[in-house]
C-alpha atoms as a PDB file:
ATOM      1  CA  MET A   1     -10.465  12.437  -0.625  1.00  0.00           C
ATOM      2  CA  ASP A   2      -7.943  10.962  -3.003  1.00  0.00           C
ATOM      3  CA  GLU A   3      -7.223   7.486  -1.717  1.00  0.00           C
ATOM      4  CA  ARG A   4      -4.110   6.604  -3.630  1.00  0.00           C
ATOM      5  CA  HIS A   5      -1.825   8.459  -1.207  1.00  0.00           C
ATOM      6  CA  PRO A   6       1.352   8.261  -3.346  1.00  0.00           C
ATOM      7  CA  VAL A   7       4.451   6.849  -1.707  1.00  0.00           C
ATOM      8  CA  GLY A   8       8.155   6.971  -2.458  1.00  0.00           C
ATOM      9  CA  THR A   9      10.123   4.605  -4.615  1.00  0.00           C
ATOM     10  CA  THR A  10      12.439   3.331  -1.906  1.00  0.00           C
ATOM     11  CA  ALA A  11      11.598   1.781   1.439  1.00  0.00           C
ATOM     12  CA  ILE A  12      12.515   3.442   4.716  1.00  0.00           C
ATOM     13  CA  ASP A  13      15.965   2.285   5.713  1.00  0.00           C
ATOM     14  CA  ASN A  14      16.722   0.514   8.975  1.00  0.00           C
ATOM     15  CA  GLY A  15      13.091   0.771  10.119  1.00  0.00           C
ATOM     16  CA  SER A  16      13.828   3.897  12.135  1.00  0.00           C
ATOM     17  CA  SER A  17      10.838   5.722  10.683  1.00  0.00           C
ATOM     18  CA  ALA A  18       8.293   3.068  11.567  1.00  0.00           C
ATOM     19  CA  LEU A  19       4.729   4.349  11.649  1.00  0.00           C
ATOM     20  CA  TYR A  20       3.375   1.160  13.167  1.00  0.00           C
ATOM     21  CA  ASP A  21       5.352  -1.105  15.446  1.00  0.00           C
ATOM     22  CA  SER A  22       4.065  -4.659  15.756  1.00  0.00           C
ATOM     23  CA  ALA A  23       6.137  -5.120  18.907  1.00  0.00           C
ATOM     24  CA  SER A  24       4.539  -2.182  20.718  1.00  0.00           C
ATOM     25  CA  GLN A  25       3.016  -2.671  24.142  1.00  0.00           C
ATOM     26  CA  SER A  26      -0.498  -2.345  22.744  1.00  0.00           C
ATOM     27  CA  GLY A  27       0.052  -5.321  20.474  1.00  0.00           C
ATOM     28  CA  GLY A  28      -3.169  -4.411  18.670  1.00  0.00           C
ATOM     29  CA  LEU A  29      -4.127  -3.543  15.149  1.00  0.00           C
ATOM     30  CA  LEU A  30      -3.408  -0.115  13.785  1.00  0.00           C
ATOM     31  CA  PHE A  31      -7.135   0.503  13.332  1.00  0.00           C
ATOM     32  CA  SER A  32      -9.473  -0.337  16.171  1.00  0.00           C
ATOM     33  CA  GLY A  33     -12.707   0.863  14.616  1.00  0.00           C
ATOM     34  CA  ALA A  34     -14.580  -0.368  11.572  1.00  0.00           C
ATOM     35  CA  CYS A  35     -16.577   1.739   9.158  1.00  0.00           C
ATOM     36  CA  ASN A  36     -20.285   1.024   9.477  1.00  0.00           C
ATOM     37  CA  SER A  37     -21.289   2.186   6.002  1.00  0.00           C
ATOM     38  CA  GLN A  38     -23.256  -0.252   3.883  1.00  0.00           C
ATOM     39  CA  ALA A  39     -20.667   0.147   1.120  1.00  0.00           C
ATOM     40  CA  VAL A  40     -17.894  -1.313   3.270  1.00  0.00           C
ATOM     41  CA  LYS A  41     -20.172  -4.062   4.532  1.00  0.00           C
ATOM     42  CA  ASP A  42     -20.445  -5.159   0.900  1.00  0.00           C
ATOM     43  CA  ILE A  43     -16.652  -5.193   0.451  1.00  0.00           C
ATOM     44  CA  ASP A  44     -14.338  -8.146   1.001  1.00  0.00           C
ATOM     45  CA  VAL A  45     -10.632  -7.414   1.586  1.00  0.00           C
ATOM     46  CA  ARG A  46      -8.242 -10.288   0.861  1.00  0.00           C
ATOM     47  CA  ARG A  47      -4.904 -11.224  -0.691  1.00  0.00           C
ATOM     48  CA  THR A  48      -4.764 -11.526  -4.461  1.00  0.00           C
ATOM     49  CA  ILE A  49      -5.189 -14.800  -6.341  1.00  0.00           C
ATOM     50  CA  PRO A  50      -4.226 -15.510  -9.973  1.00  0.00           C
ATOM     51  CA  ALA A  51      -7.841 -15.081 -11.103  1.00  0.00           C
ATOM     52  CA  ASP A  52      -7.679 -11.386 -10.048  1.00  0.00           C
ATOM     53  CA  ALA A  53      -5.087 -10.469 -12.687  1.00  0.00           C
ATOM     54  CA  ASN A  54      -7.441  -9.142 -15.381  1.00  0.00           C
ATOM     55  CA  SER A  55      -9.502  -7.011 -12.978  1.00  0.00           C
ATOM     56  CA  LEU A  56      -6.404  -5.709 -11.224  1.00  0.00           C
ATOM     57  CA  ALA A  57      -4.914  -4.728 -14.585  1.00  0.00           C
ATOM     58  CA  VAL A  58      -8.005  -2.631 -15.311  1.00  0.00           C
ATOM     59  CA  LEU A  59      -7.758  -0.928 -11.903  1.00  0.00           C
ATOM     60  CA  TRP A  60      -4.055  -0.192 -12.287  1.00  0.00           C
ATOM     61  CA  ALA A  61      -4.549   1.175 -15.797  1.00  0.00           C
ATOM     62  CA  GLU A  62      -7.134   3.560 -14.287  1.00  0.00           C
ATOM     63  CA  MET A  63      -4.659   4.488 -11.566  1.00  0.00           C
ATOM     64  CA  GLN A  64      -1.938   5.313 -14.072  1.00  0.00           C
ATOM     65  CA  ARG A  65      -4.295   7.465 -16.139  1.00  0.00           C
ATOM     66  CA  HIS A  66      -5.469   9.275 -13.023  1.00  0.00           C
ATOM     67  CA  TYR A  67      -1.906  10.283 -12.209  1.00  0.00           C
ATOM     68  CA  GLY A  68      -1.018  11.270 -15.746  1.00  0.00           C
ATOM     69  CA  GLN A  69       1.264   8.291 -16.353  1.00  0.00           C
ATOM     70  CA  PRO A  70      -0.798   6.026 -18.652  1.00  0.00           C
ATOM     71  CA  VAL A  71       0.501   2.594 -19.615  1.00  0.00           C
ATOM     72  CA  ASN A  72      -0.612   0.218 -22.329  1.00  0.00           C
ATOM     73  CA  ASP A  73      -2.736  -2.831 -21.643  1.00  0.00           C
ATOM     74  CA  THR A  74       0.217  -5.200 -21.940  1.00  0.00           C
ATOM     75  CA  THR A  75       2.171  -3.359 -19.250  1.00  0.00           C
ATOM     76  CA  ALA A  76      -0.820  -3.212 -16.907  1.00  0.00           C
ATOM     77  CA  LYS A  77      -1.553  -6.913 -17.379  1.00  0.00           C
ATOM     78  CA  ALA A  78       2.077  -7.919 -16.787  1.00  0.00           C
ATOM     79  CA  ALA A  79       2.247  -5.934 -13.551  1.00  0.00           C
ATOM     80  CA  ALA A  80      -1.095  -7.274 -12.322  1.00  0.00           C
ATOM     81  CA  THR A  81      -0.161 -10.854 -13.183  1.00  0.00           C
ATOM     82  CA  ALA A  82       3.055 -10.531 -11.185  1.00  0.00           C
ATOM     83  CA  ALA A  83       1.114  -9.136  -8.216  1.00  0.00           C
ATOM     84  CA  CYS A  84      -1.357 -12.021  -8.325  1.00  0.00           C
ATOM     85  CA  ARG A  85       1.166 -14.818  -8.727  1.00  0.00           C
ATOM     86  CA  PHE A  86       1.572 -17.063  -5.707  1.00  0.00           C
ATOM     87  CA  SER A  87       5.054 -17.219  -4.239  1.00  0.00           C
ATOM     88  CA  ASP A  88       6.479 -18.481  -0.982  1.00  0.00           C
ATOM     89  CA  ASN A  89       9.507 -16.166  -1.262  1.00  0.00           C
ATOM     90  CA  GLU A  90       9.534 -14.150   1.964  1.00  0.00           C
ATOM     91  CA  PHE A  91      10.824 -11.046   0.155  1.00  0.00           C
ATOM     92  CA  ASN A  92       8.141 -10.913  -2.556  1.00  0.00           C
ATOM     93  CA  PRO A  93       5.519  -8.132  -2.459  1.00  0.00           C
ATOM     94  CA  ARG A  94       2.180  -8.758  -0.768  1.00  0.00           C
ATOM     95  CA  THR A  95      -0.923  -7.400  -2.504  1.00  0.00           C
ATOM     96  CA  PHE A  96      -4.393  -6.896  -1.053  1.00  0.00           C
ATOM     97  CA  VAL A  97      -7.540  -6.147  -3.038  1.00  0.00           C
ATOM     98  CA  ALA A  98     -10.985  -4.899  -2.056  1.00  0.00           C
ATOM     99  CA  ILE A  99     -13.777  -6.760  -3.834  1.00  0.00           C
ATOM    100  CA  SER A 100     -17.271  -5.303  -4.145  1.00  0.00           C
ATOM    101  CA  ARG A 101     -19.963  -7.954  -4.291  1.00  0.00           C
ATOM    102  CA  LYS A 102     -21.650  -5.811  -6.928  1.00  0.00           C
ATOM    103  CA  ASP A 103     -18.850  -4.236  -8.968  1.00  0.00           C
ATOM    104  CA  GLY A 104     -15.880  -6.549  -8.467  1.00  0.00           C
ATOM    105  CA  LEU A 105     -12.340  -5.365  -7.745  1.00  0.00           C
ATOM    106  CA  VAL A 106     -12.351  -1.699  -6.684  1.00  0.00           C
ATOM    107  CA  ALA A 107      -9.137  -1.069  -4.750  1.00  0.00           C
ATOM    108  CA  SER A 108      -5.648  -2.433  -4.070  1.00  0.00           C
ATOM    109  CA  LEU A 109      -2.753  -2.077  -1.675  1.00  0.00           C
ATOM    110  CA  VAL A 110       0.798  -3.253  -2.396  1.00  0.00           C
ATOM    111  CA  LEU A 111       3.329  -4.013   0.349  1.00  0.00           C
ATOM    112  CA  ASN A 112       7.051  -4.435  -0.165  1.00  0.00           C
ATOM    113  CA  VAL A 113       9.427  -6.117   2.253  1.00  0.00           C
ATOM    114  CA  THR A 114      12.192  -3.936   3.705  1.00  0.00           C
ATOM    115  CA  PHE A 115      15.428  -5.498   4.946  1.00  0.00           C
ATOM    116  CA  PRO A 116      17.305  -4.840   7.120  1.00  0.00           C
ATOM    117  CA  ALA A 117      14.857  -2.963   9.325  1.00  0.00           C
ATOM    118  CA  ARG A 118      15.160  -2.288  13.057  1.00  0.00           C
ATOM    119  CA  GLU A 119      17.439  -4.732  14.886  1.00  0.00           C
ATOM    120  CA  LEU A 120      18.095  -6.490  11.545  1.00  0.00           C
ATOM    121  CA  SER A 121      14.470  -7.550  11.252  1.00  0.00           C
ATOM    122  CA  LYS A 122      12.204  -7.380   8.191  1.00  0.00           C
ATOM    123  CA  SER A 123       9.441  -4.772   7.930  1.00  0.00           C
ATOM    124  CA  LEU A 124       6.640  -3.985   5.484  1.00  0.00           C
ATOM    125  CA  TYR A 125       6.344  -0.831   3.413  1.00  0.00           C
ATOM    126  CA  ILE A 126       3.136   0.318   1.719  1.00  0.00           C
ATOM    127  CA  ARG A 127       4.284   1.039  -1.804  1.00  0.00           C
ATOM    128  CA  ASP A 128       0.908   1.895  -3.238  1.00  0.00           C
ATOM    129  CA  LEU A 129      -2.727   2.256  -2.218  1.00  0.00           C
ATOM    130  CA  TYR A 130      -5.392   3.061  -4.789  1.00  0.00           C
ATOM    131  CA  VAL A 131      -9.188   3.171  -4.590  1.00  0.00           C
ATOM    132  CA  SER A 132     -11.245   3.424  -7.763  1.00  0.00           C
ATOM    133  CA  LYS A 133     -12.871   6.802  -8.368  1.00  0.00           C
ATOM    134  CA  ASP A 134     -16.469   5.747  -7.683  1.00  0.00           C
ATOM    135  CA  TRP A 135     -15.548   3.960  -4.451  1.00  0.00           C
ATOM    136  CA  ARG A 136     -13.783   6.692  -2.508  1.00  0.00           C
ATOM    137  CA  ARG A 137     -15.040   8.112   0.814  1.00  0.00           C
ATOM    138  CA  PHE A 138     -16.475   4.778   1.938  1.00  0.00           C
ATOM    139  CA  GLY A 139     -13.678   3.754   4.298  1.00  0.00           C
ATOM    140  CA  ILE A 140     -12.098   1.262   1.888  1.00  0.00           C
ATOM    141  CA  ALA A 141      -8.598   2.697   2.306  1.00  0.00           C
ATOM    142  CA  ARG A 142      -8.968   2.287   6.057  1.00  0.00           C
ATOM    143  CA  SER A 143     -10.036  -1.350   5.628  1.00  0.00           C
ATOM    144  CA  LEU A 144      -7.017  -2.054   3.417  1.00  0.00           C
ATOM    145  CA  LEU A 145      -4.680  -0.451   5.933  1.00  0.00           C
ATOM    146  CA  GLN A 146      -6.157  -2.536   8.732  1.00  0.00           C
ATOM    147  CA  ALA A 147      -5.482  -5.659   6.665  1.00  0.00           C
ATOM    148  CA  ALA A 148      -1.889  -4.506   6.164  1.00  0.00           C
ATOM    149  CA  ALA A 149      -1.448  -3.930   9.908  1.00  0.00           C
ATOM    150  CA  SER A 150      -2.844  -7.375  10.664  1.00  0.00           C
ATOM    151  CA  LEU A 151      -0.488  -8.992   8.154  1.00  0.00           C
ATOM    152  CA  THR A 152       2.448  -7.156   9.730  1.00  0.00           C
ATOM    153  CA  ILE A 153       1.676  -8.883  13.001  1.00  0.00           C
ATOM    154  CA  THR A 154       0.738 -12.349  11.752  1.00  0.00           C
ATOM    155  CA  GLU A 155       3.799 -12.695   9.504  1.00  0.00           C
ATOM    156  CA  GLY A 156       6.181 -11.412  12.178  1.00  0.00           C
ATOM    157  CA  PHE A 157       7.337  -8.161  10.581  1.00  0.00           C
ATOM    158  CA  SER A 158       8.705  -5.519  12.931  1.00  0.00           C
ATOM    159  CA  SER A 159       6.845  -2.480  11.576  1.00  0.00           C
ATOM    160  CA  LEU A 160       4.591  -1.050   8.882  1.00  0.00           C
ATOM    161  CA  ASP A 161       5.873   2.058   7.130  1.00  0.00           C
ATOM    162  CA  TRP A 162       4.565   4.368   4.422  1.00  0.00           C
ATOM    163  CA  THR A 163       4.710   7.941   3.163  1.00  0.00           C
ATOM    164  CA  THR A 164       2.355  10.468   1.634  1.00  0.00           C
ATOM    165  CA  ASP A 165       2.735  13.910   0.121  1.00  0.00           C
ATOM    166  CA  ALA A 166       3.135  16.629   2.745  1.00  0.00           C
ATOM    167  CA  ASN A 167       0.211  18.573   1.255  1.00  0.00           C
ATOM    168  CA  ASN A 168      -2.155  15.572   1.114  1.00  0.00           C
ATOM    169  CA  VAL A 169      -4.337  16.766   3.991  1.00  0.00           C
ATOM    170  CA  GLY A 170      -6.961  14.050   3.632  1.00  0.00           C
ATOM    171  CA  ALA A 171      -4.444  11.218   3.728  1.00  0.00           C
ATOM    172  CA  ARG A 172      -2.572  12.682   6.676  1.00  0.00           C
ATOM    173  CA  SER A 173      -5.803  13.114   8.611  1.00  0.00           C
ATOM    174  CA  LEU A 174      -6.695   9.475   8.025  1.00  0.00           C
ATOM    175  CA  TYR A 175      -3.285   8.199   9.071  1.00  0.00           C
ATOM    176  CA  GLU A 176      -2.819  10.395  12.109  1.00  0.00           C
ATOM    177  CA  GLY A 177      -6.372   9.754  13.259  1.00  0.00           C
ATOM    178  CA  ALA A 178      -5.566   6.052  13.196  1.00  0.00           C
ATOM    179  CA  GLY A 179      -2.565   6.524  15.475  1.00  0.00           C
ATOM    180  CA  ALA A 180       0.268   6.592  12.945  1.00  0.00           C
ATOM    181  CA  ARG A 181       3.153   8.865  13.888  1.00  0.00           C
ATOM    182  CA  GLU A 182       4.692  11.399  11.527  1.00  0.00           C
ATOM    183  CA  MET A 183       8.442  10.863  11.326  1.00  0.00           C
ATOM    184  CA  THR A 184      11.173  13.391  10.559  1.00  0.00           C
ATOM    185  CA  ARG A 185      12.523  12.134   7.262  1.00  0.00           C
ATOM    186  CA  VAL A 186      13.760  13.585   3.983  1.00  0.00           C
ATOM    187  CA  TYR A 187      13.268  11.420   0.893  1.00  0.00           C
ATOM    188  CA  TYR A 188      15.460  11.418  -2.188  1.00  0.00           C
ATOM    189  CA  ARG A 189      14.835  10.026  -5.648  1.00  0.00           C
ATOM    190  CA  LEU A 190      16.992   9.427  -8.689  1.00  0.00           C
ATOM    191  CA  TYR A 191      14.971   9.177 -11.872  1.00  0.00           C
ATOM    192  CA  GLY A 192      15.496   9.541 -15.630  1.00  0.00           C
ATOM    193  CA  THR A 193      18.466  11.679 -16.609  1.00  0.00           C
ATOM    194  CA  ASP A 194      19.447  12.260 -12.983  1.00  0.00           C
ATOM    195  CA  LEU A 195      19.681   8.511 -12.438  1.00  0.00           C
ATOM    196  CA  GLU A 196      21.788   8.075 -15.561  1.00  0.00           C
ATOM    197  CA  LEU A 197      24.158  10.844 -14.506  1.00  0.00           C
ATOM    198  CA  ALA A 198      24.486   9.441 -11.003  1.00  0.00           C
ATOM    199  CA  SER A 199      25.456   6.056 -12.418  1.00  0.00           C
ATOM    200  CA  LEU A 200      28.343   7.693 -14.231  1.00  0.00           C
ATOM    201  CA  ALA A 201      29.610   9.737 -11.311  1.00  0.00           C
END
């Protein structure tokens, strides 16, 4: 299964398409079960620190090549450094990484803050999830998503939202099996020439 599960470029507006609601009656995490594989037992999931920047740059360069959008080393390092920089700004992205005790940094998940969400609250949006090629099918994506759900609760966000391609059967099975609800939404994107033309309209 491909564990990047691409998402859109803009967060869900007004929180009306929440896939996980931290104020629900259950009040629990999105994922109640843990993977028992030895691979996941040897993985630590945590927030990024500045020392992760070089390893995260390598992972993100792999990610960009995998999706046919390669970037140079300078671009990858700049993005990774920004993701690993400490900030107490409540609107800054939150980034999780999965660290193998043997192979180092093998996966990442990036969360953006959405505002205003439901009832003028703030919510979290999974902008990107990527697991390195050799570390897929071990439950790492599930562990990262559980960390994101936990953060949603502990930091007081109203919901956790994300998207995936409609034909990404593996991703949808993972999400729906974990209790996430599919929402009726149509996404739009302005990019390249279309964006330029729209700015002139």
